[in-house]
C-alpha atoms as a PDB file:
ATOM      1  CA  MET A   1     120.755  83.318  43.017  1.00  0.00           C
ATOM      2  CA  VAL A   2     117.921  81.234  44.512  1.00  0.00           C
ATOM      3  CA  ALA A   3     120.163  78.629  46.187  1.00  0.00           C
ATOM      4  CA  PRO A   4     122.061  81.077  48.466  1.00  0.00           C
ATOM      5  CA  TYR A   5     118.736  82.615  49.487  1.00  0.00           C
ATOM      6  CA  ILE A   6     117.333  79.179  50.387  1.00  0.00           C
ATOM      7  CA  ASP A   7     120.480  78.375  52.373  1.00  0.00           C
ATOM      8  CA  LEU A   8     120.158  81.656  54.283  1.00  0.00           C
ATOM      9  CA  VAL A   9     116.517  80.957  55.142  1.00  0.00           C
ATOM     10  CA  ALA A  10     117.415  77.453  56.304  1.00  0.00           C
ATOM     11  CA  LEU A  11     120.180  78.891  58.493  1.00  0.00           C
ATOM     12  CA  ASP A  12     117.757  81.377  60.035  1.00  0.00           C
ATOM     13  CA  VAL A  13     115.266  78.588  60.745  1.00  0.00           C
ATOM     14  CA  ARG A  14     117.961  76.464  62.405  1.00  0.00           C
ATOM     15  CA  MET A  15     119.137  79.395  64.526  1.00  0.00           C
ATOM     16  CA  LEU A  16     115.567  80.162  65.591  1.00  0.00           C
ATOM     17  CA  SER A  17     114.991  76.515  66.452  1.00  0.00           C
ATOM     18  CA  TRP A  18     118.228  76.418  68.466  1.00  0.00           C
ATOM     19  CA  LEU A  19     117.282  79.603  70.307  1.00  0.00           C
ATOM     20  CA  ARG A  20     113.875  78.202  71.216  1.00  0.00           C
ATOM     21  CA  GLY A  21     115.505  75.015  72.454  1.00  0.00           C
ATOM     22  CA  ALA A  22     117.995  76.959  74.551  1.00  0.00           C
ATOM     23  CA  LEU A  23     115.170  78.888  76.231  1.00  0.00           C
ATOM     24  CA  VAL A  24     113.127  75.806  77.110  1.00  0.00           C
ATOM     25  CA  PHE A  25     114.994  74.934  80.304  1.00  0.00           C
ATOM     26  CA  PRO A  26     115.172  78.504  81.719  1.00  0.00           C
ATOM     27  CA  LEU A  27     111.447  78.958  81.060  1.00  0.00           C
ATOM     28  CA  GLN A  28     110.671  75.617  82.694  1.00  0.00           C
ATOM     29  CA  ALA A  29     112.797  76.548  85.713  1.00  0.00           C
ATOM     30  CA  LEU A  30     111.107  79.946  86.060  1.00  0.00           C
ATOM     31  CA  THR A  31     107.691  78.314  85.647  1.00  0.00           C
ATOM     32  CA  TRP A  32     108.448  75.813  88.405  1.00  0.00           C
ATOM     33  CA  LEU A  33     109.722  78.577  90.666  1.00  0.00           C
ATOM     34  CA  GLY A  34     106.682  80.731  89.962  1.00  0.00           C
ATOM     35  CA  ASN A  35     104.341  77.844  90.744  1.00  0.00           C
ATOM     36  CA  GLN A  36     105.894  77.522  94.206  1.00  0.00           C
ATOM     37  CA  GLY A  37     104.227  80.821  95.083  1.00  0.00           C
ATOM     38  CA  THR A  38     104.552  81.867  98.713  1.00  0.00           C
ATOM     39  CA  ARG A  39     106.750  78.870  99.561  1.00  0.00           C
ATOM     40  CA  ALA A  40     109.453  80.349  97.341  1.00  0.00           C
ATOM     41  CA  ILE A  41     109.088  83.731  99.050  1.00  0.00           C
ATOM     42  CA  ALA A  42     109.606  82.145 102.478  1.00  0.00           C
ATOM     43  CA  ALA A  43     112.653  80.251 101.204  1.00  0.00           C
ATOM     44  CA  LEU A  44     114.249  83.548 100.159  1.00  0.00           C
ATOM     45  CA  VAL A  45     114.732  84.531 103.797  1.00  0.00           C
ATOM     46  CA  LEU A  46     116.479  81.262 104.654  1.00  0.00           C
ATOM     47  CA  PHE A  47     118.807  81.481 101.662  1.00  0.00           C
ATOM     48  CA  GLY A  48     119.520  85.141 102.400  1.00  0.00           C
ATOM     49  CA  ILE A  49     120.625  84.273 105.950  1.00  0.00           C
ATOM     50  CA  ALA A  50     122.585  81.180 104.948  1.00  0.00           C
ATOM     51  CA  LEU A  51     124.605  82.918 102.210  1.00  0.00           C
ATOM     52  CA  PRO A  52     126.150  86.114 103.669  1.00  0.00           C
ATOM     53  CA  PRO A  53     128.840  86.415 100.944  1.00  0.00           C
ATOM     54  CA  LEU A  54     126.138  86.400  98.288  1.00  0.00           C
ATOM     55  CA  GLY A  55     124.359  89.197 100.131  1.00  0.00           C
ATOM     56  CA  GLU A  56     127.513  91.308 100.042  1.00  0.00           C
ATOM     57  CA  LEU A  57     127.847  90.609  96.319  1.00  0.00           C
ATOM     58  CA  LEU A  58     124.241  91.598  95.553  1.00  0.00           C
ATOM     59  CA  ARG A  59     124.009  94.654  97.821  1.00  0.00           C
ATOM     60  CA  PRO A  60     125.075  97.178  95.120  1.00  0.00           C
ATOM     61  CA  TYR A  61     122.169  96.024  92.920  1.00  0.00           C
ATOM     62  CA  VAL A  62     119.271  96.628  95.319  1.00  0.00           C
ATOM     63  CA  THR A  63     118.087  99.750  93.465  1.00  0.00           C
ATOM     64  CA  GLU A  64     118.093  97.902  90.144  1.00  0.00           C
ATOM     65  CA  ALA A  65     116.154  95.021  91.704  1.00  0.00           C
ATOM     66  CA  ILE A  66     113.455  97.369  92.983  1.00  0.00           C
ATOM     67  CA  PHE A  67     113.288  99.007  89.548  1.00  0.00           C
ATOM     68  CA  LEU A  68     112.774  95.625  87.850  1.00  0.00           C
ATOM     69  CA  LEU A  69     110.066  94.652  90.333  1.00  0.00           C
ATOM     70  CA  LEU A  70     108.210  97.854  89.515  1.00  0.00           C
ATOM     71  CA  ILE A  71     108.520  97.203  85.772  1.00  0.00           C
ATOM     72  CA  ILE A  72     106.943  93.778  86.200  1.00  0.00           C
ATOM     73  CA  SER A  73     104.192  95.217  88.387  1.00  0.00           C
ATOM     74  CA  PHE A  74     103.370  97.990  85.873  1.00  0.00           C
ATOM     75  CA  MET A  75     103.567  95.496  83.018  1.00  0.00           C
ATOM     76  CA  ARG A  76     100.866  93.289  84.559  1.00  0.00           C
ATOM     77  CA  VAL A  77      98.411  96.030  85.490  1.00  0.00           C
ATOM     78  CA  ASP A  78      94.790  95.263  84.697  1.00  0.00           C
ATOM     79  CA  LEU A  79      93.924  98.404  82.714  1.00  0.00           C
ATOM     80  CA  SER A  80      90.164  97.916  83.039  1.00  0.00           C
ATOM     81  CA  ALA A  81      90.469  97.721  86.823  1.00  0.00           C
ATOM     82  CA  LEU A  82      92.883 100.662  86.741  1.00  0.00           C
ATOM     83  CA  ARG A  83      90.359 102.813  84.883  1.00  0.00           C
ATOM     84  CA  SER A  84      87.642 101.794  87.326  1.00  0.00           C
ATOM     85  CA  TYR A  85      89.715 102.788  90.342  1.00  0.00           C
ATOM     86  CA  LEU A  86      90.660 106.092  88.717  1.00  0.00           C
ATOM     87  CA  ARG A  87      87.010 106.877  87.974  1.00  0.00           C
ATOM     88  CA  ARG A  88      86.092 106.274  91.609  1.00  0.00           C
ATOM     89  CA  PRO A  89      89.270 107.012  93.552  1.00  0.00           C
ATOM     90  CA  ALA A  90      87.712 107.071  97.050  1.00  0.00           C
ATOM     91  CA  LEU A  91      89.202 103.731  98.068  1.00  0.00           C
ATOM     92  CA  VAL A  92      92.674 104.606  96.757  1.00  0.00           C
ATOM     93  CA  LEU A  93      92.635 108.037  98.417  1.00  0.00           C
ATOM     94  CA  ALA A  94      91.482 106.575 101.737  1.00  0.00           C
ATOM     95  CA  ALA A  95      94.161 103.875 101.643  1.00  0.00           C
ATOM     96  CA  THR A  96      96.802 106.451 100.709  1.00  0.00           C
ATOM     97  CA  ALA A  97      95.840 108.717 103.604  1.00  0.00           C
ATOM     98  CA  TRP A  98      95.851 105.765 105.989  1.00  0.00           C
ATOM     99  CA  THR A  99      99.289 104.432 105.068  1.00  0.00           C
ATOM    100  CA  THR A 100     101.000 107.807 104.518  1.00  0.00           C
ATOM    101  CA  ILE A 101      99.514 110.014 107.241  1.00  0.00           C
ATOM    102  CA  ALA A 102      97.563 107.999 109.804  1.00  0.00           C
ATOM    103  CA  VAL A 103     100.073 105.179 110.363  1.00  0.00           C
ATOM    104  CA  PRO A 104     103.117 107.359 111.218  1.00  0.00           C
ATOM    105  CA  ALA A 105     100.907 109.666 113.294  1.00  0.00           C
ATOM    106  CA  LEU A 106      99.538 106.727 115.309  1.00  0.00           C
ATOM    107  CA  VAL A 107     102.995 105.263 115.919  1.00  0.00           C
ATOM    108  CA  GLY A 108     104.466 108.609 116.953  1.00  0.00           C
ATOM    109  CA  ILE A 109     101.546 109.617 119.184  1.00  0.00           C
ATOM    110  CA  THR A 110     101.405 106.188 120.855  1.00  0.00           C
ATOM    111  CA  ALA A 111     105.128 106.286 121.614  1.00  0.00           C
ATOM    112  CA  HIS A 112     104.796 109.860 122.898  1.00  0.00           C
ATOM    113  CA  ILE A 113     101.941 108.953 125.244  1.00  0.00           C
ATOM    114  CA  ALA A 114     103.844 105.883 126.478  1.00  0.00           C
ATOM    115  CA  HIS A 115     106.999 107.996 126.988  1.00  0.00           C
ATOM    116  CA  ALA A 116     108.861 105.639 124.653  1.00  0.00           C
ATOM    117  CA  ASP A 117     109.895 108.248 122.099  1.00  0.00           C
ATOM    118  CA  ALA A 118     113.049 110.304 121.570  1.00  0.00           C
ATOM    119  CA  ARG A 119     112.567 111.984 124.957  1.00  0.00           C
ATOM    120  CA  ALA A 120     113.250 108.698 126.775  1.00  0.00           C
ATOM    121  CA  PRO A 121     116.924 107.774 126.272  1.00  0.00           C
ATOM    122  CA  ASP A 122     116.622 104.889 128.737  1.00  0.00           C
ATOM    123  CA  LEU A 123     114.102 103.171 126.446  1.00  0.00           C
ATOM    124  CA  CYS A 124     116.462 102.903 123.473  1.00  0.00           C
ATOM    125  CA  PRO A 125     115.827 105.864 121.160  1.00  0.00           C
ATOM    126  CA  ASP A 126     117.520 103.874 118.386  1.00  0.00           C
ATOM    127  CA  LEU A 127     114.574 101.478 118.439  1.00  0.00           C
ATOM    128  CA  PHE A 128     112.075 104.347 118.400  1.00  0.00           C
ATOM    129  CA  LEU A 129     113.967 105.764 115.428  1.00  0.00           C
ATOM    130  CA  ALA A 130     113.586 102.417 113.651  1.00  0.00           C
ATOM    131  CA  LEU A 131     109.845 102.256 114.353  1.00  0.00           C
ATOM    132  CA  MET A 132     109.273 105.819 113.159  1.00  0.00           C
ATOM    133  CA  LEU A 133     111.287 105.296 109.976  1.00  0.00           C
ATOM    134  CA  GLN A 134     109.257 102.155 109.353  1.00  0.00           C
ATOM    135  CA  ALA A 135     105.988 104.023 109.887  1.00  0.00           C
ATOM    136  CA  MET A 136     107.002 107.021 107.746  1.00  0.00           C
ATOM    137  CA  ALA A 137     108.073 104.855 104.804  1.00  0.00           C
ATOM    138  CA  SER A 138     105.844 104.143 101.841  1.00  0.00           C
ATOM    139  CA  PRO A 139     104.711 100.563 101.157  1.00  0.00           C
ATOM    140  CA  MET A 140     107.361  98.225  99.842  1.00  0.00           C
ATOM    141  CA  MET A 141     107.773  98.312  96.076  1.00  0.00           C
ATOM    142  CA  ALA A 142     107.553  94.519  95.948  1.00  0.00           C
ATOM    143  CA  SER A 143     104.097  94.497  97.562  1.00  0.00           C
ATOM    144  CA  PRO A 144     102.196  94.342  94.235  1.00  0.00           C
ATOM    145  CA  ALA A 145     104.309  91.323  93.255  1.00  0.00           C
ATOM    146  CA  LEU A 146     103.585  89.598  96.568  1.00  0.00           C
ATOM    147  CA  ALA A 147      99.885  90.437  96.273  1.00  0.00           C
ATOM    148  CA  ALA A 148      99.852  88.897  92.795  1.00  0.00           C
ATOM    149  CA  LEU A 149     101.545  85.745  94.089  1.00  0.00           C
ATOM    150  CA  MET A 150      98.773  85.423  96.683  1.00  0.00           C
ATOM    151  CA  GLY A 151      96.035  86.004  94.110  1.00  0.00           C
ATOM    152  CA  LEU A 152      94.984  89.344  95.640  1.00  0.00           C
ATOM    153  CA  ASP A 153      94.126  92.639  93.917  1.00  0.00           C
ATOM    154  CA  ALA A 154      97.601  93.669  92.748  1.00  0.00           C
ATOM    155  CA  THR A 155      96.218  96.588  90.704  1.00  0.00           C
ATOM    156  CA  LEU A 156      94.682  98.226  93.777  1.00  0.00           C
ATOM    157  CA  VAL A 157      97.949  97.692  95.649  1.00  0.00           C
ATOM    158  CA  LEU A 158     100.013  99.156  92.799  1.00  0.00           C
ATOM    159  CA  ILE A 159      97.891 102.302  92.430  1.00  0.00           C
ATOM    160  CA  THR A 160      97.953 102.961  96.174  1.00  0.00           C
ATOM    161  CA  LEU A 161     101.692 102.257  96.216  1.00  0.00           C
ATOM    162  CA  VAL A 162     102.309 104.902  93.554  1.00  0.00           C
ATOM    163  CA  THR A 163     100.153 107.572  95.211  1.00  0.00           C
ATOM    164  CA  SER A 164     101.588 106.992  98.685  1.00  0.00           C
ATOM    165  CA  THR A 165     105.172 106.865  97.408  1.00  0.00           C
ATOM    166  CA  ALA A 166     104.645 110.201  95.652  1.00  0.00           C
ATOM    167  CA  LEU A 167     103.549 111.762  98.962  1.00  0.00           C
ATOM    168  CA  VAL A 168     106.343 110.396 101.155  1.00  0.00           C
ATOM    169  CA  PRO A 169     108.871 113.143 100.236  1.00  0.00           C
ATOM    170  CA  LEU A 170     106.339 115.630 101.638  1.00  0.00           C
ATOM    171  CA  THR A 171     105.068 113.726 104.682  1.00  0.00           C
ATOM    172  CA  ALA A 172     108.209 111.997 105.987  1.00  0.00           C
ATOM    173  CA  PRO A 173     110.153 115.201 106.809  1.00  0.00           C
ATOM    174  CA  VAL A 174     107.093 116.581 108.638  1.00  0.00           C
ATOM    175  CA  PHE A 175     106.771 113.528 110.874  1.00  0.00           C
ATOM    176  CA  ALA A 176     110.529 113.410 111.357  1.00  0.00           C
ATOM    177  CA  TYR A 177     110.466 117.034 112.542  1.00  0.00           C
ATOM    178  CA  ILE A 178     107.504 116.455 114.875  1.00  0.00           C
ATOM    179  CA  PHE A 179     108.569 113.183 116.486  1.00  0.00           C
ATOM    180  CA  LEU A 180     112.317 112.891 115.891  1.00  0.00           C
ATOM    181  CA  GLY A 181     113.400 116.506 116.149  1.00  0.00           C
ATOM    182  CA  LYS A 182     116.971 116.957 114.991  1.00  0.00           C
ATOM    183  CA  ILE A 183     117.852 113.265 115.346  1.00  0.00           C
ATOM    184  CA  LEU A 184     117.203 112.675 111.649  1.00  0.00           C
ATOM    185  CA  THR A 185     117.662 114.911 108.614  1.00  0.00           C
ATOM    186  CA  LEU A 186     115.911 114.031 105.357  1.00  0.00           C
ATOM    187  CA  SER A 187     116.360 115.538 101.916  1.00  0.00           C
ATOM    188  CA  PRO A 188     112.817 115.621 100.504  1.00  0.00           C
ATOM    189  CA  LEU A 189     113.830 117.151  97.161  1.00  0.00           C
ATOM    190  CA  ALA A 190     116.486 114.523  96.427  1.00  0.00           C
ATOM    191  CA  LEU A 191     114.206 111.734  97.598  1.00  0.00           C
ATOM    192  CA  GLY A 192     111.305 113.028  95.528  1.00  0.00           C
ATOM    193  CA  LEU A 193     113.393 113.312  92.368  1.00  0.00           C
ATOM    194  CA  LYS A 194     114.780 109.809  92.832  1.00  0.00           C
ATOM    195  CA  LEU A 195     111.336 108.332  93.401  1.00  0.00           C
ATOM    196  CA  ALA A 196     109.902 110.186  90.412  1.00  0.00           C
ATOM    197  CA  GLY A 197     112.708 108.895  88.196  1.00  0.00           C
ATOM    198  CA  ILE A 198     112.275 105.298  89.340  1.00  0.00           C
ATOM    199  CA  LEU A 199     108.495 105.316  88.919  1.00  0.00           C
ATOM    200  CA  ALA A 200     108.492 107.131  85.566  1.00  0.00           C
ATOM    201  CA  GLY A 201     111.288 104.982  84.161  1.00  0.00           C
ATOM    202  CA  ALA A 202     109.612 101.750  85.226  1.00  0.00           C
ATOM    203  CA  LEU A 203     106.315 102.905  83.736  1.00  0.00           C
ATOM    204  CA  VAL A 204     107.914 103.712  80.368  1.00  0.00           C
ATOM    205  CA  VAL A 205     109.779 100.391  80.158  1.00  0.00           C
ATOM    206  CA  ALA A 206     106.649  98.469  81.167  1.00  0.00           C
ATOM    207  CA  ALA A 207     104.603 100.264  78.505  1.00  0.00           C
ATOM    208  CA  VAL A 208     107.167  99.361  75.829  1.00  0.00           C
ATOM    209  CA  ILE A 209     107.098  95.702  76.903  1.00  0.00           C
ATOM    210  CA  ARG A 210     103.283  95.634  76.850  1.00  0.00           C
ATOM    211  CA  LEU A 211     103.241  97.115  73.337  1.00  0.00           C
ATOM    212  CA  ALA A 212     105.931  94.758  72.041  1.00  0.00           C
ATOM    213  CA  ALA A 213     104.766  91.510  73.652  1.00  0.00           C
ATOM    214  CA  GLY A 214     101.051  92.114  74.042  1.00  0.00           C
ATOM    215  CA  ILE A 215      98.953  91.682  77.160  1.00  0.00           C
ATOM    216  CA  ALA A 216      97.798  88.223  76.036  1.00  0.00           C
ATOM    217  CA  ALA A 217     101.380  86.915  75.977  1.00  0.00           C
ATOM    218  CA  ILE A 218     102.060  88.455  79.391  1.00  0.00           C
ATOM    219  CA  ARG A 219      99.025  86.703  80.862  1.00  0.00           C
ATOM    220  CA  ARG A 220      99.944  83.450  79.133  1.00  0.00           C
ATOM    221  CA  HIS A 221     103.398  83.488  80.735  1.00  0.00           C
ATOM    222  CA  ARG A 222     102.148  84.293  84.232  1.00  0.00           C
ATOM    223  CA  ALA A 223     104.071  81.464  85.929  1.00  0.00           C
ATOM    224  CA  PRO A 224     107.561  82.223  84.511  1.00  0.00           C
ATOM    225  CA  ILE A 225     107.027  85.921  85.240  1.00  0.00           C
ATOM    226  CA  ASP A 226     106.182  84.978  88.838  1.00  0.00           C
ATOM    227  CA  GLY A 227     109.410  82.977  88.911  1.00  0.00           C
ATOM    228  CA  LEU A 228     111.357  85.991  87.675  1.00  0.00           C
ATOM    229  CA  ASN A 229     109.739  88.023  90.457  1.00  0.00           C
ATOM    230  CA  VAL A 230     111.064  85.548  93.009  1.00  0.00           C
ATOM    231  CA  LEU A 231     114.611  85.756  91.641  1.00  0.00           C
ATOM    232  CA  ILE A 232     114.589  89.553  91.707  1.00  0.00           C
ATOM    233  CA  LEU A 233     113.175  89.603  95.234  1.00  0.00           C
ATOM    234  CA  PHE A 234     116.094  87.429  96.312  1.00  0.00           C
ATOM    235  CA  VAL A 235     118.544  90.194  95.384  1.00  0.00           C
ATOM    236  CA  PHE A 236     116.958  92.547  97.909  1.00  0.00           C
ATOM    237  CA  VAL A 237     116.486  89.925 100.635  1.00  0.00           C
ATOM    238  CA  ALA A 238     120.049  88.609 100.408  1.00  0.00           C
ATOM    239  CA  ALA A 239     121.481  92.125 100.588  1.00  0.00           C
ATOM    240  CA  VAL A 240     119.518  93.049 103.722  1.00  0.00           C
ATOM    241  CA  MET A 241     119.826  89.728 105.587  1.00  0.00           C
ATOM    242  CA  GLY A 242     123.544  89.213 105.010  1.00  0.00           C
ATOM    243  CA  HIS A 243     124.664  90.002 108.602  1.00  0.00           C
ATOM    244  CA  VAL A 244     121.755  88.447 110.514  1.00  0.00           C
ATOM    245  CA  LEU A 245     123.458  85.118 111.196  1.00  0.00           C
ATOM    246  CA  ALA A 246     126.503  86.710 112.848  1.00  0.00           C
ATOM    247  CA  ASP A 247     124.360  89.016 114.997  1.00  0.00           C
ATOM    248  CA  LEU A 248     122.097  86.135 115.991  1.00  0.00           C
ATOM    249  CA  TRP A 249     125.093  84.133 117.143  1.00  0.00           C
ATOM    250  CA  ALA A 250     126.475  87.076 119.129  1.00  0.00           C
ATOM    251  CA  ASP A 251     123.234  88.038 120.963  1.00  0.00           C
ATOM    252  CA  PRO A 252     120.332  85.625 120.312  1.00  0.00           C
ATOM    253  CA  LEU A 253     117.947  87.041 122.950  1.00  0.00           C
ATOM    254  CA  HIS A 254     118.252  90.558 121.571  1.00  0.00           C
ATOM    255  CA  MET A 255     117.664  89.338 118.023  1.00  0.00           C
ATOM    256  CA  PHE A 256     114.620  87.259 119.013  1.00  0.00           C
ATOM    257  CA  ALA A 257     113.162  90.275 120.832  1.00  0.00           C
ATOM    258  CA  LEU A 258     113.620  92.435 117.733  1.00  0.00           C
ATOM    259  CA  ALA A 259     112.029  89.723 115.592  1.00  0.00           C
ATOM    260  CA  ALA A 260     109.031  89.524 117.943  1.00  0.00           C
ATOM    261  CA  LEU A 261     108.602  93.302 117.748  1.00  0.00           C
ATOM    262  CA  ALA A 262     108.849  93.212 113.953  1.00  0.00           C
ATOM    263  CA  PHE A 263     106.171  90.497 113.706  1.00  0.00           C
ATOM    264  CA  GLY A 264     104.005  92.408 116.181  1.00  0.00           C
ATOM    265  CA  MET A 265     104.169  95.608 114.126  1.00  0.00           C
ATOM    266  CA  PHE A 266     103.453  93.708 110.920  1.00  0.00           C
ATOM    267  CA  PHE A 267     100.334  91.944 112.162  1.00  0.00           C
ATOM    268  CA  LEU A 268      99.083  95.010 114.054  1.00  0.00           C
ATOM    269  CA  LEU A 269      99.154  97.108 110.876  1.00  0.00           C
ATOM    270  CA  PHE A 270      97.667  94.215 108.904  1.00  0.00           C
ATOM    271  CA  ALA A 271      94.771  93.713 111.336  1.00  0.00           C
ATOM    272  CA  LEU A 272      93.998  97.426 111.703  1.00  0.00           C
ATOM    273  CA  THR A 273      93.951  97.899 107.926  1.00  0.00           C
ATOM    274  CA  MET A 274      91.686  94.902 107.334  1.00  0.00           C
ATOM    275  CA  LEU A 275      89.322  96.176 110.021  1.00  0.00           C
ATOM    276  CA  LEU A 276      89.290  99.704 108.619  1.00  0.00           C
ATOM    277  CA  PHE A 277      88.680  98.655 104.996  1.00  0.00           C
ATOM    278  CA  ARG A 278      86.424  95.647 105.572  1.00  0.00           C
ATOM    279  CA  GLY A 279      83.571  97.538 103.897  1.00  0.00           C
ATOM    280  CA  ALA A 280      85.469  97.468 100.583  1.00  0.00           C
ATOM    281  CA  GLY A 281      85.331  93.676 100.514  1.00  0.00           C
ATOM    282  CA  ARG A 282      87.335  91.091 102.409  1.00  0.00           C
ATOM    283  CA  ASP A 283      89.774  90.357  99.589  1.00  0.00           C
ATOM    284  CA  ARG A 284      90.518  94.037  98.927  1.00  0.00           C
ATOM    285  CA  ALA A 285      90.883  94.680 102.645  1.00  0.00           C
ATOM    286  CA  MET A 286      93.439  91.874 102.823  1.00  0.00           C
ATOM    287  CA  ALA A 287      95.330  93.236  99.813  1.00  0.00           C
ATOM    288  CA  LEU A 288      95.543  96.649 101.464  1.00  0.00           C
ATOM    289  CA  GLY A 289      96.470  95.075 104.801  1.00  0.00           C
ATOM    290  CA  LEU A 290      99.342  93.235 103.163  1.00  0.00           C
ATOM    291  CA  MET A 291     100.522  96.429 101.472  1.00  0.00           C
ATOM    292  CA  VAL A 292     100.328  98.684 104.553  1.00  0.00           C
ATOM    293  CA  SER A 293     102.148  96.179 106.767  1.00  0.00           C
ATOM    294  CA  GLN A 294     105.036  95.925 104.268  1.00  0.00           C
ATOM    295  CA  ARG A 295     106.974  99.174 104.645  1.00  0.00           C
ATOM    296  CA  ASN A 296     109.777 100.208 102.309  1.00  0.00           C
ATOM    297  CA  MET A 297     112.521 100.629 104.906  1.00  0.00           C
ATOM    298  CA  GLY A 298     115.139 100.361 102.177  1.00  0.00           C
ATOM    299  CA  LEU A 299     113.868 103.705 100.921  1.00  0.00           C
ATOM    300  CA  MET A 300     114.543 105.274 104.303  1.00  0.00           C
ATOM    301  CA  LEU A 301     118.005 103.724 104.367  1.00  0.00           C
ATOM    302  CA  ALA A 302     118.721 105.419 101.053  1.00  0.00           C
ATOM    303  CA  ALA A 303     117.337 108.745 102.291  1.00  0.00           C
ATOM    304  CA  THR A 304     119.550 108.709 105.386  1.00  0.00           C
ATOM    305  CA  GLU A 305     122.535 107.361 103.406  1.00  0.00           C
ATOM    306  CA  GLY A 306     122.754 104.475 105.868  1.00  0.00           C
ATOM    307  CA  ALA A 307     123.859 106.736 108.741  1.00  0.00           C
ATOM    308  CA  LEU A 308     121.768 104.871 111.325  1.00  0.00           C
ATOM    309  CA  PRO A 309     122.548 103.335 114.746  1.00  0.00           C
ATOM    310  CA  GLY A 310     123.242  99.615 115.064  1.00  0.00           C
ATOM    311  CA  THR A 311     119.913  98.750 116.705  1.00  0.00           C
ATOM    312  CA  THR A 312     118.038 100.523 113.920  1.00  0.00           C
ATOM    313  CA  TRP A 313     119.903  98.474 111.325  1.00  0.00           C
ATOM    314  CA  LEU A 314     119.170  95.235 113.202  1.00  0.00           C
ATOM    315  CA  TYR A 315     115.463  96.001 113.448  1.00  0.00           C
ATOM    316  CA  PHE A 316     115.329  96.722 109.724  1.00  0.00           C
ATOM    317  CA  ALA A 317     116.914  93.337 109.058  1.00  0.00           C
ATOM    318  CA  MET A 318     114.564  91.444 111.385  1.00  0.00           C
ATOM    319  CA  SER A 319     111.536  93.164 109.864  1.00  0.00           C
ATOM    320  CA  GLN A 320     112.228  91.272 106.647  1.00  0.00           C
ATOM    321  CA  PHE A 321     111.077  88.053 108.334  1.00  0.00           C
ATOM    322  CA  PRO A 322     107.387  88.997 108.600  1.00  0.00           C
ATOM    323  CA  ILE A 323     107.463  90.690 105.208  1.00  0.00           C
ATOM    324  CA  TYR A 324     108.555  87.547 103.372  1.00  0.00           C
ATOM    325  CA  LEU A 325     107.154  84.857 105.682  1.00  0.00           C
ATOM    326  CA  ALA A 326     103.716  86.401 106.211  1.00  0.00           C
ATOM    327  CA  PRO A 327     102.538  85.735 102.619  1.00  0.00           C
ATOM    328  CA  LEU A 328     103.067  82.016 103.277  1.00  0.00           C
ATOM    329  CA  LEU A 329     101.299  82.220 106.639  1.00  0.00           C
ATOM    330  CA  LEU A 330      98.436  84.291 105.222  1.00  0.00           C
ATOM    331  CA  GLN A 331      97.944  82.227 102.051  1.00  0.00           C
ATOM    332  CA  PRO A 332      95.246  79.975 103.617  1.00  0.00           C
ATOM    333  CA  LEU A 333      93.297  83.076 104.667  1.00  0.00           C
ATOM    334  CA  ALA A 334      93.599  84.538 101.168  1.00  0.00           C
ATOM    335  CA  GLU A 335      92.298  81.297  99.639  1.00  0.00           C
ATOM    336  CA  ARG A 336      89.340  81.250 102.032  1.00  0.00           C
ATOM    337  CA  LEU A 337      88.462  84.843 101.173  1.00  0.00           C
ATOM    338  CA  ARG A 338      88.596  84.107  97.443  1.00  0.00           C
ATOM    339  CA  ALA A 339      86.410  81.038  97.923  1.00  0.00           C
ATOM    340  CA  LYS A 340      83.664  83.003  99.692  1.00  0.00           C
ATOM    341  CA  PRO A 341      81.061  84.696  97.457  1.00  0.00           C
ATOM    342  CA  ARG A 342      81.039  88.480  97.425  1.00  0.00           C
ATOM    343  CA  PRO A 343      78.115  90.172  99.151  1.00  0.00           C
ATOM    344  CA  GLU A 344      75.679  91.870  96.807  1.00  0.00           C
ATOM    345  CA  ALA A 345      76.281  95.207  98.484  1.00  0.00           C
ATOM    346  CA  ASP A 346      79.182  96.454 100.486  1.00  0.00           C
ATOM    347  CA  HIS A 347      78.893  99.140 103.127  1.00  0.00           C
ATOM    348  CA  GLY A 348      81.374 101.858 103.881  1.00  0.00           C
ATOM    349  CA  LEU A 349      84.112 102.212 101.287  1.00  0.00           C
ATOM    350  CA  ILE A 350      82.896 100.924  97.923  1.00  0.00           C
ATOM    351  CA  SER A 351      85.346  99.579  95.389  1.00  0.00           C
ATOM    352  CA  PRO A 352      84.544 100.516  91.782  1.00  0.00           C
ATOM    353  CA  ALA A 353      85.349  96.992  90.659  1.00  0.00           C
ATOM    354  CA  SER A 354      82.230  95.767  92.430  1.00  0.00           C
ATOM    355  CA  GLU A 355      79.920  98.125  90.595  1.00  0.00           C
END
């Protein structure tokens, strides 16, 4: 009776050893990819453009990719920092109001004053539609992952992302009615239910993973988790950038102009946010600037069921360049901010983490 039991134990040990050996290479590959940081993020754009067939193949899985990115972001939340922000929510509420209400209002009012809105058909209303959809959108769901890759406050970004995303079903139809009139019709109830399901589902799965694996193991495997983030981000990038190469070949000047506008919008929102929240600390201001400048235009595509003009689609595609290249360009600034000592007292908006 003892011998069969010993043989079974030996078999289990061999299987466990084989399984560990089989996982060594994938973990090493993910670790290497995660250690590339922002360089890997920038490479995503190039691969997404160069491989249009892969983009077509991955396009049906964009929703799943966003869901997985949220799971990873929830899974890595610093609970002590989360409790601190929830005890003193002034910074989160201010950032939420800025990205959800002030940004679309500023874009719409500026275009209205400049006579570049829906009333001016000669100035390409399709482009104004793209800019307003960009402004009305919540921050991109991958922004906490990108903030983590840059060493910024991903917890602050995640909390603000959740609060602003929850408000978008209420605010986006209002701004669409004010500035777009009957050009665009949104379904706030359907959008709200979908967002609630995605956020709640990701939170539950992340909580199960944290309980099963433990926060210490999650922190210990930071690099391979970063690598997994990069792979999941590629699904979204490849799906959106699949047609860019053909359009660039057909009309390069038009595409370069759209790219310049996309970069201009990105850095304008980034600079304004850093200036507005500089009192919360330079590193937190940069984290919020990165989040606000990365708008979830895929969410607006889903809300409109893709029924958008060609120029609007092209602008959405070109806006992916600053989103995924800016972390690489801004990495030196992030490192400089982390290297500088914090002031003993901040003025203006005070982050609870500094208390």
